[in-house]
Amino acid sequence: MKRHLVFYNSHVNFDAAILGLSAAMEETTRPDEKEGINPLKTGLMGPLAGLGDSLIKFTWIPIVGSIGASLAFSGNVFGPILMFILYNIINVFGRYYAVVYGYKKGIDFLNKNQQSDLIQRITTMANVVGLMVVGALISTVIKVSTPIKIAVHSNVSSKVGNNVIKLQSMFDKIMPGVLSLLVTVAVYFILKKTNGKHAALITILMMVIVIGLSYCKIL
């Protein structure tokens, strides 16, 4: 139970296969191999979340919603009911069969390959995928920049000129997203030092600090 209380977030429909596979690994792996379950979940949750959003949230729901709305606007009370039925064909049956499929395939796969080196390879691959997902999230979700400008006065050939250096442009030339990376590393270090006990307090402090720095035009 403690092992499955760690952070996990995926699409509400597509994560069913991950949960079925996790259940299969819980049943068939040895105690010293169970540490590979969480990396597997972490590695799969990002790609399947994107797939679920694309197919369900942005494709299937708009389609059935348009069908139901068109019927409802024409005065047909069956419109919302039809949307409800069409959506839940995928929603309910998809979740159920995805859990069953992930569980059965996981059991078959693990029973045929009980060697510990296979579990180790799966764990390593899941760790790599998980790190790639986290790295992509850092670069795309966390946006930290500074509007600070530095005025540089120069006197060349008795001609006085003023140059303005944008600090953010300098950071981008050295390493794009370096401020976002530094903030992420700092928060990760604090959370690791405190074992995540003060996550809520750290979140509130971060909000206060960001508002203060934004007010002072530092960030």
N, C-alpha and C. Protein backbone atom coordinates (compact mmCIF):
# COMPACT_ATOMS: atom_id res chain seq x y z
N MET A 1 0.83 -1.20 0.00
CA MET A 1 0.00 0.00 0.00
C MET A 1 0.86 1.25 0.00
N LYS A 2 1.94 1.25 0.80
CA LYS A 2 2.83 2.40 0.82
C LYS A 2 3.49 2.61 -0.54
N ARG A 3 3.81 1.52 -1.20
CA ARG A 3 4.47 1.63 -2.50
C ARG A 3 3.59 2.36 -3.52
N HIS A 4 2.28 2.21 -3.42
CA HIS A 4 1.38 2.81 -4.39
C HIS A 4 0.79 4.13 -3.91
N LEU A 5 1.35 4.71 -2.86
CA LEU A 5 0.92 6.03 -2.40
C LEU A 5 1.80 7.15 -2.96
N VAL A 6 2.81 6.80 -3.77
CA VAL A 6 3.65 7.82 -4.36
C VAL A 6 2.88 8.54 -5.47
N PHE A 7 3.43 9.66 -5.93
CA PHE A 7 2.75 10.48 -6.94
C PHE A 7 2.51 9.68 -8.22
N TYR A 8 1.28 9.74 -8.70
CA TYR A 8 0.92 9.06 -9.94
C TYR A 8 -0.22 9.83 -10.58
N ASN A 9 -0.08 10.17 -11.84
CA ASN A 9 -1.11 10.94 -12.52
C ASN A 9 -1.11 10.58 -14.00
N SER A 10 -2.22 10.05 -14.48
CA SER A 10 -2.32 9.69 -15.88
C SER A 10 -3.76 9.93 -16.34
N HIS A 11 -4.06 9.55 -17.58
CA HIS A 11 -5.41 9.74 -18.09
C HIS A 11 -6.36 8.77 -17.41
N VAL A 12 -7.57 9.24 -17.15
CA VAL A 12 -8.52 8.47 -16.35
C VAL A 12 -8.93 7.17 -17.04
N ASN A 13 -8.86 7.11 -18.36
CA ASN A 13 -9.21 5.88 -19.07
C ASN A 13 -7.99 5.01 -19.36
N PHE A 14 -6.93 5.62 -19.84
CA PHE A 14 -5.79 4.86 -20.31
C PHE A 14 -4.90 4.33 -19.18
N ASP A 15 -5.10 4.84 -17.96
CA ASP A 15 -4.26 4.33 -16.87
C ASP A 15 -4.72 2.96 -16.41
N ALA A 16 -5.86 2.49 -16.89
CA ALA A 16 -6.37 1.18 -16.47
C ALA A 16 -5.39 0.07 -16.84
N ALA A 17 -4.78 0.17 -18.02
CA ALA A 17 -3.81 -0.85 -18.43
C ALA A 17 -2.59 -0.84 -17.53
N ILE A 18 -2.18 0.35 -17.08
CA ILE A 18 -1.02 0.45 -16.17
C ILE A 18 -1.35 -0.20 -14.84
N LEU A 19 -2.56 0.03 -14.34
CA LEU A 19 -2.95 -0.55 -13.06
C LEU A 19 -3.05 -2.07 -13.16
N GLY A 20 -3.55 -2.57 -14.28
CA GLY A 20 -3.60 -4.02 -14.48
C GLY A 20 -2.22 -4.63 -14.53
N LEU A 21 -1.30 -3.98 -15.23
CA LEU A 21 0.08 -4.46 -15.30
C LEU A 21 0.76 -4.40 -13.93
N SER A 22 0.47 -3.34 -13.16
CA SER A 22 1.05 -3.21 -11.82
C SER A 22 0.56 -4.35 -10.92
N ALA A 23 -0.73 -4.67 -11.03
CA ALA A 23 -1.28 -5.77 -10.23
C ALA A 23 -0.61 -7.09 -10.60
N ALA A 24 -0.36 -7.28 -11.90
CA ALA A 24 0.32 -8.51 -12.35
C ALA A 24 1.74 -8.58 -11.78
N MET A 25 2.44 -7.46 -11.78
CA MET A 25 3.81 -7.45 -11.24
C MET A 25 3.81 -7.67 -9.73
N GLU A 26 2.79 -7.15 -9.04
CA GLU A 26 2.70 -7.36 -7.59
C GLU A 26 2.56 -8.85 -7.28
N GLU A 27 1.84 -9.58 -8.11
CA GLU A 27 1.58 -10.99 -7.84
C GLU A 27 2.74 -11.90 -8.23
N THR A 28 3.46 -11.55 -9.28
CA THR A 28 4.41 -12.50 -9.86
C THR A 28 5.87 -12.20 -9.54
N THR A 29 6.21 -11.00 -9.10
CA THR A 29 7.61 -10.68 -8.84
C THR A 29 8.00 -10.99 -7.41
N ARG A 30 9.31 -11.18 -7.23
CA ARG A 30 9.83 -11.42 -5.88
C ARG A 30 9.88 -10.11 -5.11
N PRO A 31 9.98 -10.19 -3.77
CA PRO A 31 10.00 -8.95 -2.97
C PRO A 31 11.11 -7.99 -3.37
N ASP A 32 12.28 -8.53 -3.76
CA ASP A 32 13.39 -7.65 -4.11
C ASP A 32 13.22 -7.05 -5.51
N GLU A 33 12.22 -7.49 -6.27
CA GLU A 33 11.99 -6.98 -7.61
C GLU A 33 10.83 -5.99 -7.68
N LYS A 34 10.13 -5.82 -6.57
CA LYS A 34 8.93 -4.98 -6.59
C LYS A 34 9.25 -3.49 -6.67
N GLU A 35 10.50 -3.12 -6.45
CA GLU A 35 10.85 -1.71 -6.57
C GLU A 35 10.76 -1.23 -8.01
N GLY A 36 10.68 -2.18 -8.95
CA GLY A 36 10.54 -1.79 -10.35
C GLY A 36 9.12 -1.42 -10.75
N ILE A 37 8.15 -1.60 -9.85
CA ILE A 37 6.76 -1.32 -10.20
C ILE A 37 6.52 0.18 -10.36
N ASN A 38 6.98 0.97 -9.39
CA ASN A 38 6.76 2.41 -9.46
C ASN A 38 7.46 3.07 -10.64
N PRO A 39 8.73 2.73 -10.95
CA PRO A 39 9.33 3.28 -12.17
C PRO A 39 8.56 2.92 -13.43
N LEU A 40 7.99 1.71 -13.46
CA LEU A 40 7.18 1.32 -14.62
C LEU A 40 5.94 2.20 -14.73
N LYS A 41 5.25 2.44 -13.62
CA LYS A 41 4.08 3.30 -13.63
C LYS A 41 4.45 4.72 -14.03
N THR A 42 5.55 5.22 -13.48
CA THR A 42 5.98 6.58 -13.80
C THR A 42 6.36 6.72 -15.26
N GLY A 43 7.01 5.68 -15.81
CA GLY A 43 7.41 5.75 -17.20
C GLY A 43 6.26 5.68 -18.17
N LEU A 44 5.19 4.98 -17.81
CA LEU A 44 4.05 4.81 -18.72
C LEU A 44 2.98 5.88 -18.55
N MET A 45 2.92 6.51 -17.37
CA MET A 45 1.79 7.40 -17.12
C MET A 45 1.82 8.64 -18.02
N GLY A 46 2.99 9.16 -18.34
CA GLY A 46 3.07 10.34 -19.19
C GLY A 46 2.64 10.08 -20.63
N PRO A 47 3.27 9.09 -21.31
CA PRO A 47 2.86 8.80 -22.68
C PRO A 47 1.39 8.41 -22.82
N LEU A 48 0.88 7.59 -21.91
CA LEU A 48 -0.53 7.18 -22.00
C LEU A 48 -1.47 8.33 -21.67
N ALA A 49 -1.02 9.25 -20.82
CA ALA A 49 -1.85 10.44 -20.54
C ALA A 49 -1.99 11.28 -21.80
N GLY A 50 -0.89 11.48 -22.52
CA GLY A 50 -0.96 12.23 -23.77
C GLY A 50 -1.82 11.54 -24.81
N LEU A 51 -1.71 10.21 -24.88
CA LEU A 51 -2.52 9.44 -25.83
C LEU A 51 -4.00 9.52 -25.46
N GLY A 52 -4.30 9.41 -24.17
CA GLY A 52 -5.69 9.48 -23.73
C GLY A 52 -6.30 10.85 -23.98
N ASP A 53 -5.52 11.91 -23.71
CA ASP A 53 -6.03 13.26 -23.98
C ASP A 53 -6.33 13.45 -25.45
N SER A 54 -5.44 12.95 -26.31
CA SER A 54 -5.62 13.13 -27.75
C SER A 54 -6.83 12.37 -28.28
N LEU A 55 -6.98 11.12 -27.86
CA LEU A 55 -8.04 10.27 -28.42
C LEU A 55 -9.39 10.46 -27.73
N ILE A 56 -9.37 10.63 -26.41
CA ILE A 56 -10.63 10.72 -25.66
C ILE A 56 -11.07 12.17 -25.47
N LYS A 57 -10.23 12.95 -24.83
CA LYS A 57 -10.62 14.31 -24.45
C LYS A 57 -10.79 15.23 -25.65
N PHE A 58 -9.87 15.14 -26.61
CA PHE A 58 -9.90 16.08 -27.73
C PHE A 58 -10.49 15.51 -29.01
N THR A 59 -10.85 14.23 -29.01
CA THR A 59 -11.42 13.63 -30.22
C THR A 59 -12.80 13.03 -29.95
N TRP A 60 -12.85 12.02 -29.07
CA TRP A 60 -14.10 11.30 -28.87
C TRP A 60 -15.16 12.16 -28.18
N ILE A 61 -14.78 12.87 -27.11
CA ILE A 61 -15.77 13.69 -26.39
C ILE A 61 -16.33 14.80 -27.27
N PRO A 62 -15.50 15.55 -28.04
CA PRO A 62 -16.10 16.56 -28.94
C PRO A 62 -17.03 15.95 -30.00
N ILE A 63 -16.69 14.74 -30.49
CA ILE A 63 -17.54 14.12 -31.50
C ILE A 63 -18.91 13.78 -30.92
N VAL A 64 -18.92 13.04 -29.81
CA VAL A 64 -20.20 12.64 -29.22
C VAL A 64 -20.94 13.85 -28.66
N GLY A 65 -20.18 14.84 -28.18
CA GLY A 65 -20.82 16.05 -27.69
C GLY A 65 -21.51 16.82 -28.81
N SER A 66 -20.87 16.86 -29.98
CA SER A 66 -21.48 17.54 -31.12
C SER A 66 -22.75 16.82 -31.58
N ILE A 67 -22.69 15.49 -31.59
CA ILE A 67 -23.88 14.72 -31.99
C ILE A 67 -25.03 14.97 -31.01
N GLY A 68 -24.72 14.88 -29.71
CA GLY A 68 -25.76 15.10 -28.71
C GLY A 68 -26.30 16.51 -28.73
N ALA A 69 -25.41 17.51 -28.93
CA ALA A 69 -25.85 18.90 -28.94
C ALA A 69 -26.72 19.19 -30.16
N SER A 70 -26.34 18.63 -31.32
CA SER A 70 -27.15 18.88 -32.52
C SER A 70 -28.56 18.34 -32.37
N LEU A 71 -28.68 17.16 -31.74
CA LEU A 71 -30.01 16.60 -31.50
C LEU A 71 -30.78 17.42 -30.46
N ALA A 72 -30.06 17.88 -29.43
CA ALA A 72 -30.72 18.65 -28.37
C ALA A 72 -31.22 19.99 -28.90
N PHE A 73 -30.44 20.64 -29.77
CA PHE A 73 -30.85 21.94 -30.32
C PHE A 73 -32.07 21.81 -31.23
N SER A 74 -32.22 20.62 -31.81
CA SER A 74 -33.39 20.41 -32.66
C SER A 74 -34.61 19.96 -31.86
N GLY A 75 -34.49 19.94 -30.53
CA GLY A 75 -35.61 19.60 -29.68
C GLY A 75 -35.75 18.14 -29.35
N ASN A 76 -34.71 17.34 -29.67
CA ASN A 76 -34.76 15.91 -29.40
C ASN A 76 -34.15 15.64 -28.03
N VAL A 77 -34.95 15.16 -27.08
CA VAL A 77 -34.47 14.91 -25.73
C VAL A 77 -33.47 13.75 -25.69
N PHE A 78 -33.43 12.97 -26.76
CA PHE A 78 -32.52 11.83 -26.81
C PHE A 78 -31.06 12.27 -27.01
N GLY A 79 -30.84 13.55 -27.34
CA GLY A 79 -29.48 14.04 -27.60
C GLY A 79 -28.52 13.84 -26.43
N PRO A 80 -28.81 14.36 -25.23
CA PRO A 80 -27.91 14.16 -24.10
C PRO A 80 -27.78 12.69 -23.71
N ILE A 81 -28.87 11.96 -23.85
CA ILE A 81 -28.83 10.52 -23.51
C ILE A 81 -27.89 9.78 -24.45
N LEU A 82 -27.97 10.12 -25.75
CA LEU A 82 -27.09 9.48 -26.73
C LEU A 82 -25.63 9.80 -26.44
N MET A 83 -25.35 11.06 -26.10
CA MET A 83 -23.97 11.43 -25.76
C MET A 83 -23.49 10.63 -24.55
N PHE A 84 -24.34 10.53 -23.54
CA PHE A 84 -23.98 9.77 -22.34
C PHE A 84 -23.67 8.32 -22.67
N ILE A 85 -24.49 7.71 -23.52
CA ILE A 85 -24.30 6.30 -23.88
C ILE A 85 -23.02 6.12 -24.69
N LEU A 86 -22.82 6.97 -25.71
CA LEU A 86 -21.65 6.84 -26.57
C LEU A 86 -20.35 7.05 -25.80
N TYR A 87 -20.35 8.05 -24.91
CA TYR A 87 -19.13 8.31 -24.13
C TYR A 87 -18.81 7.15 -23.20
N ASN A 88 -19.83 6.62 -22.54
CA ASN A 88 -19.59 5.57 -21.55
C ASN A 88 -19.33 4.21 -22.17
N ILE A 89 -19.61 4.04 -23.46
CA ILE A 89 -19.18 2.82 -24.14
C ILE A 89 -17.65 2.73 -24.07
N ILE A 90 -17.00 3.85 -24.34
CA ILE A 90 -15.54 3.90 -24.26
C ILE A 90 -15.09 4.01 -22.81
N ASN A 91 -15.79 4.81 -22.04
CA ASN A 91 -15.36 5.10 -20.67
C ASN A 91 -15.41 3.86 -19.78
N VAL A 92 -16.55 3.22 -19.70
CA VAL A 92 -16.74 2.09 -18.78
C VAL A 92 -16.07 0.83 -19.31
N PHE A 93 -16.42 0.45 -20.54
CA PHE A 93 -15.88 -0.79 -21.10
C PHE A 93 -14.38 -0.67 -21.35
N GLY A 94 -13.94 0.53 -21.74
CA GLY A 94 -12.51 0.72 -21.96
C GLY A 94 -11.71 0.54 -20.68
N ARG A 95 -12.20 1.10 -19.58
CA ARG A 95 -11.49 0.94 -18.30
C ARG A 95 -11.46 -0.53 -17.88
N TYR A 96 -12.59 -1.19 -17.98
CA TYR A 96 -12.67 -2.58 -17.52
C TYR A 96 -11.74 -3.49 -18.34
N TYR A 97 -11.87 -3.42 -19.66
CA TYR A 97 -11.09 -4.33 -20.50
C TYR A 97 -9.61 -3.95 -20.50
N ALA A 98 -9.31 -2.68 -20.29
CA ALA A 98 -7.89 -2.29 -20.21
C ALA A 98 -7.24 -2.87 -18.96
N VAL A 99 -7.95 -2.87 -17.84
CA VAL A 99 -7.41 -3.49 -16.62
C VAL A 99 -7.22 -4.99 -16.83
N VAL A 100 -8.23 -5.64 -17.39
CA VAL A 100 -8.15 -7.08 -17.62
C VAL A 100 -7.03 -7.42 -18.60
N TYR A 101 -6.94 -6.63 -19.68
CA TYR A 101 -5.91 -6.87 -20.69
C TYR A 101 -4.51 -6.67 -20.10
N GLY A 102 -4.32 -5.55 -19.39
CA GLY A 102 -3.02 -5.30 -18.79
C GLY A 102 -2.64 -6.36 -17.77
N TYR A 103 -3.61 -6.82 -17.00
CA TYR A 103 -3.34 -7.85 -15.99
C TYR A 103 -2.99 -9.19 -16.63
N LYS A 104 -3.80 -9.64 -17.59
CA LYS A 104 -3.56 -10.95 -18.22
C LYS A 104 -2.27 -10.96 -19.01
N LYS A 105 -2.04 -9.91 -19.80
CA LYS A 105 -0.82 -9.86 -20.59
C LYS A 105 0.40 -9.74 -19.69
N GLY A 106 0.26 -9.00 -18.58
CA GLY A 106 1.36 -8.88 -17.64
C GLY A 106 1.68 -10.21 -16.98
N ILE A 107 0.64 -10.94 -16.59
CA ILE A 107 0.84 -12.26 -15.98
C ILE A 107 1.51 -13.21 -16.97
N ASP A 108 1.01 -13.26 -18.20
CA ASP A 108 1.59 -14.15 -19.21
C ASP A 108 3.04 -13.80 -19.49
N PHE A 109 3.30 -12.52 -19.62
CA PHE A 109 4.65 -12.07 -19.94
C PHE A 109 5.63 -12.39 -18.82
N LEU A 110 5.21 -12.11 -17.59
CA LEU A 110 6.11 -12.31 -16.45
C LEU A 110 6.28 -13.78 -16.12
N ASN A 111 5.25 -14.60 -16.35
CA ASN A 111 5.38 -16.03 -16.11
C ASN A 111 6.35 -16.68 -17.10
N LYS A 112 6.39 -16.18 -18.31
CA LYS A 112 7.30 -16.72 -19.31
C LYS A 112 8.72 -16.21 -19.14
N ASN A 113 8.87 -15.10 -18.43
CA ASN A 113 10.20 -14.48 -18.29
C ASN A 113 10.43 -14.16 -16.82
N GLN A 114 10.74 -15.16 -16.05
CA GLN A 114 10.92 -14.98 -14.62
C GLN A 114 12.37 -14.62 -14.26
N GLN A 115 13.24 -14.48 -15.25
CA GLN A 115 14.62 -14.16 -14.94
C GLN A 115 14.70 -12.75 -14.37
N SER A 116 15.54 -12.60 -13.36
CA SER A 116 15.65 -11.31 -12.69
C SER A 116 16.25 -10.24 -13.60
N ASP A 117 17.08 -10.66 -14.59
CA ASP A 117 17.68 -9.66 -15.46
C ASP A 117 16.62 -8.99 -16.33
N LEU A 118 15.54 -9.70 -16.66
CA LEU A 118 14.46 -9.10 -17.43
C LEU A 118 13.76 -8.02 -16.61
N ILE A 119 13.48 -8.32 -15.36
CA ILE A 119 12.85 -7.32 -14.48
C ILE A 119 13.77 -6.12 -14.34
N GLN A 120 15.07 -6.38 -14.24
CA GLN A 120 16.02 -5.28 -14.11
C GLN A 120 16.02 -4.41 -15.36
N ARG A 121 15.92 -5.04 -16.54
CA ARG A 121 15.89 -4.27 -17.78
C ARG A 121 14.61 -3.44 -17.88
N ILE A 122 13.49 -4.05 -17.47
CA ILE A 122 12.23 -3.31 -17.48
C ILE A 122 12.32 -2.11 -16.54
N THR A 123 12.90 -2.32 -15.36
CA THR A 123 13.05 -1.23 -14.39
C THR A 123 13.92 -0.12 -14.95
N THR A 124 15.02 -0.51 -15.58
CA THR A 124 15.93 0.49 -16.14
C THR A 124 15.25 1.29 -17.24
N MET A 125 14.53 0.60 -18.14
CA MET A 125 13.83 1.30 -19.22
C MET A 125 12.76 2.23 -18.66
N ALA A 126 12.04 1.76 -17.64
CA ALA A 126 11.00 2.60 -17.05
C ALA A 126 11.60 3.83 -16.39
N ASN A 127 12.76 3.66 -15.74
CA ASN A 127 13.44 4.80 -15.12
C ASN A 127 13.85 5.83 -16.16
N VAL A 128 14.39 5.33 -17.28
CA VAL A 128 14.83 6.24 -18.35
C VAL A 128 13.65 7.02 -18.91
N VAL A 129 12.55 6.31 -19.20
CA VAL A 129 11.36 6.99 -19.74
C VAL A 129 10.80 7.98 -18.72
N GLY A 130 10.79 7.59 -17.45
CA GLY A 130 10.29 8.49 -16.42
C GLY A 130 11.12 9.76 -16.31
N LEU A 131 12.44 9.62 -16.38
CA LEU A 131 13.32 10.79 -16.33
C LEU A 131 13.11 11.68 -17.55
N MET A 132 12.89 11.07 -18.71
CA MET A 132 12.63 11.87 -19.92
C MET A 132 11.34 12.67 -19.77
N VAL A 133 10.31 12.03 -19.19
CA VAL A 133 9.03 12.73 -19.00
C VAL A 133 9.19 13.89 -18.03
N VAL A 134 9.91 13.64 -16.92
CA VAL A 134 10.13 14.71 -15.93
C VAL A 134 10.94 15.84 -16.54
N GLY A 135 11.98 15.50 -17.31
CA GLY A 135 12.79 16.53 -17.96
C GLY A 135 11.98 17.36 -18.93
N ALA A 136 11.09 16.70 -19.68
CA ALA A 136 10.23 17.43 -20.61
C ALA A 136 9.26 18.34 -19.87
N LEU A 137 8.75 17.88 -18.73
CA LEU A 137 7.84 18.71 -17.95
C LEU A 137 8.55 19.95 -17.41
N ILE A 138 9.80 19.79 -16.97
CA ILE A 138 10.56 20.93 -16.45
C ILE A 138 10.72 21.99 -17.52
N SER A 139 11.05 21.56 -18.74
CA SER A 139 11.33 22.53 -19.81
C SER A 139 10.08 23.15 -20.40
N THR A 140 8.94 22.49 -20.29
CA THR A 140 7.72 23.00 -20.92
C THR A 140 6.74 23.63 -19.95
N VAL A 141 6.72 23.17 -18.71
CA VAL A 141 5.72 23.65 -17.74
C VAL A 141 6.28 24.77 -16.86
N ILE A 142 7.51 24.60 -16.38
CA ILE A 142 8.10 25.58 -15.46
C ILE A 142 8.75 26.69 -16.27
N LYS A 143 8.22 27.88 -16.14
CA LYS A 143 8.73 29.02 -16.88
C LYS A 143 9.21 30.09 -15.89
N VAL A 144 10.51 30.23 -15.76
CA VAL A 144 11.10 31.24 -14.89
C VAL A 144 11.99 32.14 -15.75
N SER A 145 11.74 33.43 -15.73
CA SER A 145 12.54 34.38 -16.50
C SER A 145 12.67 35.67 -15.71
N THR A 146 13.62 36.50 -16.10
CA THR A 146 13.84 37.75 -15.40
C THR A 146 13.85 38.91 -16.40
N PRO A 147 13.18 40.02 -16.05
CA PRO A 147 13.18 41.19 -16.95
C PRO A 147 14.32 42.16 -16.68
N ILE A 148 15.26 41.79 -15.83
CA ILE A 148 16.34 42.69 -15.43
C ILE A 148 17.19 43.08 -16.63
N LYS A 149 17.46 44.36 -16.74
CA LYS A 149 18.33 44.89 -17.80
C LYS A 149 19.48 45.65 -17.16
N ILE A 150 20.66 45.52 -17.74
CA ILE A 150 21.87 46.18 -17.23
C ILE A 150 22.34 47.17 -18.28
N ALA A 151 22.45 48.43 -17.86
CA ALA A 151 22.94 49.48 -18.77
C ALA A 151 24.46 49.52 -18.70
N VAL A 152 25.08 49.45 -19.87
CA VAL A 152 26.54 49.48 -19.96
C VAL A 152 26.95 50.74 -20.70
N HIS A 153 27.79 51.55 -20.05
CA HIS A 153 28.26 52.79 -20.65
C HIS A 153 29.63 52.56 -21.27
N SER A 154 29.80 52.99 -22.50
CA SER A 154 31.07 52.81 -23.18
C SER A 154 31.54 54.13 -23.78
N ASN A 155 32.83 54.27 -23.90
CA ASN A 155 33.43 55.48 -24.47
C ASN A 155 34.49 55.04 -25.46
N VAL A 156 34.08 54.96 -26.71
CA VAL A 156 34.98 54.49 -27.76
C VAL A 156 35.21 55.62 -28.76
N SER A 157 36.49 55.99 -28.98
CA SER A 157 36.87 57.05 -29.93
C SER A 157 36.13 58.35 -29.62
N SER A 158 36.09 58.67 -28.31
CA SER A 158 35.47 59.90 -27.83
C SER A 158 33.98 59.97 -28.11
N LYS A 159 33.41 58.82 -28.46
CA LYS A 159 31.96 58.76 -28.66
C LYS A 159 31.33 57.96 -27.55
N VAL A 160 30.48 58.58 -26.82
CA VAL A 160 29.85 57.92 -25.69
C VAL A 160 28.60 57.19 -26.16
N GLY A 161 28.47 55.93 -25.78
CA GLY A 161 27.29 55.14 -26.18
C GLY A 161 26.76 54.36 -25.00
N ASN A 162 25.49 54.07 -25.05
CA ASN A 162 24.84 53.29 -24.00
C ASN A 162 24.31 51.99 -24.60
N ASN A 163 24.66 50.88 -23.97
CA ASN A 163 24.17 49.58 -24.38
C ASN A 163 23.37 48.98 -23.23
N VAL A 164 22.30 48.31 -23.58
CA VAL A 164 21.45 47.66 -22.58
C VAL A 164 21.56 46.15 -22.77
N ILE A 165 21.97 45.47 -21.72
CA ILE A 165 22.11 44.02 -21.76
C ILE A 165 20.93 43.41 -21.01
N LYS A 166 20.19 42.57 -21.72
CA LYS A 166 19.09 41.85 -21.09
C LYS A 166 19.63 40.58 -20.45
N LEU A 167 19.44 40.48 -19.14
CA LEU A 167 19.99 39.35 -18.39
C LEU A 167 19.42 38.02 -18.88
N GLN A 168 18.13 38.01 -19.21
CA GLN A 168 17.50 36.77 -19.66
C GLN A 168 18.09 36.32 -20.99
N SER A 169 18.41 37.26 -21.87
CA SER A 169 19.03 36.91 -23.15
C SER A 169 20.39 36.26 -22.95
N MET A 170 21.14 36.77 -21.96
CA MET A 170 22.44 36.18 -21.66
C MET A 170 22.27 34.75 -21.16
N PHE A 171 21.29 34.54 -20.27
CA PHE A 171 21.04 33.19 -19.76
C PHE A 171 20.64 32.24 -20.89
N ASP A 172 19.81 32.74 -21.81
CA ASP A 172 19.36 31.89 -22.92
C ASP A 172 20.51 31.50 -23.84
N LYS A 173 21.48 32.39 -23.99
CA LYS A 173 22.64 32.08 -24.83
C LYS A 173 23.53 31.03 -24.16
N ILE A 174 23.62 31.13 -22.84
CA ILE A 174 24.46 30.16 -22.11
C ILE A 174 23.76 28.80 -22.04
N MET A 175 22.49 28.82 -21.58
CA MET A 175 21.72 27.59 -21.46
C MET A 175 20.24 27.95 -21.35
N PRO A 176 19.46 27.72 -22.39
CA PRO A 176 18.03 28.05 -22.34
C PRO A 176 17.33 27.31 -21.20
N GLY A 177 16.52 28.04 -20.45
CA GLY A 177 15.77 27.44 -19.35
C GLY A 177 16.58 27.19 -18.11
N VAL A 178 17.73 27.85 -17.97
CA VAL A 178 18.60 27.57 -16.83
C VAL A 178 17.95 28.01 -15.51
N LEU A 179 17.19 29.10 -15.53
CA LEU A 179 16.52 29.55 -14.30
C LEU A 179 15.45 28.56 -13.87
N SER A 180 14.70 28.03 -14.82
CA SER A 180 13.69 27.01 -14.50
C SER A 180 14.36 25.78 -13.89
N LEU A 181 15.49 25.39 -14.47
CA LEU A 181 16.21 24.23 -13.96
C LEU A 181 16.72 24.47 -12.54
N LEU A 182 17.27 25.65 -12.30
CA LEU A 182 17.80 25.96 -10.97
C LEU A 182 16.69 25.96 -9.91
N VAL A 183 15.55 26.53 -10.26
CA VAL A 183 14.42 26.55 -9.31
C VAL A 183 13.95 25.13 -9.03
N THR A 184 13.86 24.31 -10.06
CA THR A 184 13.43 22.92 -9.89
C THR A 184 14.40 22.15 -9.01
N VAL A 185 15.69 22.31 -9.26
CA VAL A 185 16.71 21.61 -8.46
C VAL A 185 16.65 22.06 -7.01
N ALA A 186 16.47 23.37 -6.79
CA ALA A 186 16.41 23.89 -5.42
C ALA A 186 15.21 23.32 -4.67
N VAL A 187 14.03 23.31 -5.32
CA VAL A 187 12.83 22.78 -4.67
C VAL A 187 12.98 21.28 -4.42
N TYR A 188 13.55 20.56 -5.40
CA TYR A 188 13.77 19.12 -5.23
C TYR A 188 14.72 18.84 -4.06
N PHE A 189 15.77 19.65 -3.95
CA PHE A 189 16.73 19.46 -2.85
C PHE A 189 16.06 19.69 -1.50
N ILE A 190 15.23 20.72 -1.41
CA ILE A 190 14.53 21.01 -0.14
C ILE A 190 13.56 19.89 0.20
N LEU A 191 12.80 19.43 -0.80
CA LEU A 191 11.85 18.35 -0.55
C LEU A 191 12.56 17.07 -0.13
N LYS A 192 13.70 16.80 -0.75
CA LYS A 192 14.45 15.59 -0.39
C LYS A 192 15.01 15.70 1.02
N LYS A 193 15.48 16.89 1.37
CA LYS A 193 16.03 17.07 2.71
C LYS A 193 14.97 16.92 3.79
N THR A 194 13.76 17.37 3.49
CA THR A 194 12.68 17.32 4.47
C THR A 194 11.78 16.10 4.30
N ASN A 195 12.16 15.19 3.36
CA ASN A 195 11.37 13.99 3.07
C ASN A 195 9.94 14.32 2.66
N GLY A 196 9.75 15.48 2.06
CA GLY A 196 8.44 15.87 1.56
C GLY A 196 7.43 16.22 2.63
N LYS A 197 7.89 16.40 3.87
CA LYS A 197 6.95 16.64 4.98
C LYS A 197 6.33 18.03 4.91
N HIS A 198 7.02 18.97 4.31
CA HIS A 198 6.54 20.35 4.31
C HIS A 198 6.23 20.82 2.88
N ALA A 199 5.70 19.92 2.06
CA ALA A 199 5.42 20.26 0.66
C ALA A 199 4.41 21.40 0.55
N ALA A 200 3.35 21.36 1.37
CA ALA A 200 2.33 22.41 1.30
C ALA A 200 2.92 23.76 1.71
N LEU A 201 3.74 23.76 2.78
CA LEU A 201 4.36 25.01 3.22
C LEU A 201 5.32 25.55 2.17
N ILE A 202 6.07 24.66 1.53
CA ILE A 202 7.01 25.09 0.49
C ILE A 202 6.25 25.70 -0.69
N THR A 203 5.10 25.11 -1.03
CA THR A 203 4.29 25.64 -2.13
C THR A 203 3.80 27.05 -1.82
N ILE A 204 3.34 27.26 -0.59
CA ILE A 204 2.86 28.59 -0.19
C ILE A 204 4.00 29.59 -0.19
N LEU A 205 5.16 29.18 0.35
CA LEU A 205 6.33 30.08 0.36
C LEU A 205 6.78 30.43 -1.05
N MET A 206 6.74 29.44 -1.95
CA MET A 206 7.11 29.71 -3.34
C MET A 206 6.18 30.75 -3.96
N MET A 207 4.89 30.64 -3.66
CA MET A 207 3.93 31.60 -4.20
C MET A 207 4.22 33.00 -3.67
N VAL A 208 4.51 33.09 -2.37
CA VAL A 208 4.80 34.40 -1.77
C VAL A 208 6.08 34.98 -2.36
N ILE A 209 7.11 34.14 -2.49
CA ILE A 209 8.39 34.61 -3.03
C ILE A 209 8.23 35.08 -4.47
N VAL A 210 7.51 34.30 -5.28
CA VAL A 210 7.32 34.66 -6.69
C VAL A 210 6.55 35.97 -6.82
N ILE A 211 5.50 36.14 -6.00
CA ILE A 211 4.73 37.39 -6.04
C ILE A 211 5.62 38.56 -5.64
N GLY A 212 6.43 38.38 -4.59
CA GLY A 212 7.33 39.45 -4.14
C GLY A 212 8.36 39.81 -5.19
N LEU A 213 8.99 38.79 -5.79
CA LEU A 213 10.00 39.06 -6.82
C LEU A 213 9.39 39.67 -8.07
N SER A 214 8.16 39.25 -8.39
CA SER A 214 7.48 39.86 -9.55
C SER A 214 7.13 41.32 -9.29
N TYR A 215 6.73 41.61 -8.06
CA TYR A 215 6.40 42.99 -7.69
C TYR A 215 7.65 43.87 -7.76
N CYS A 216 8.79 43.31 -7.37
CA CYS A 216 10.06 44.06 -7.43
C CYS A 216 10.68 44.02 -8.82
N LYS A 217 9.99 43.41 -9.78
CA LYS A 217 10.45 43.31 -11.17
C LYS A 217 11.80 42.60 -11.28
N ILE A 218 11.94 41.56 -10.47
CA ILE A 218 13.13 40.71 -10.56
C ILE A 218 12.83 39.49 -11.39
N LEU A 219 11.61 38.95 -11.25
CA LEU A 219 11.15 37.82 -12.06
C LEU A 219 9.94 38.23 -12.89
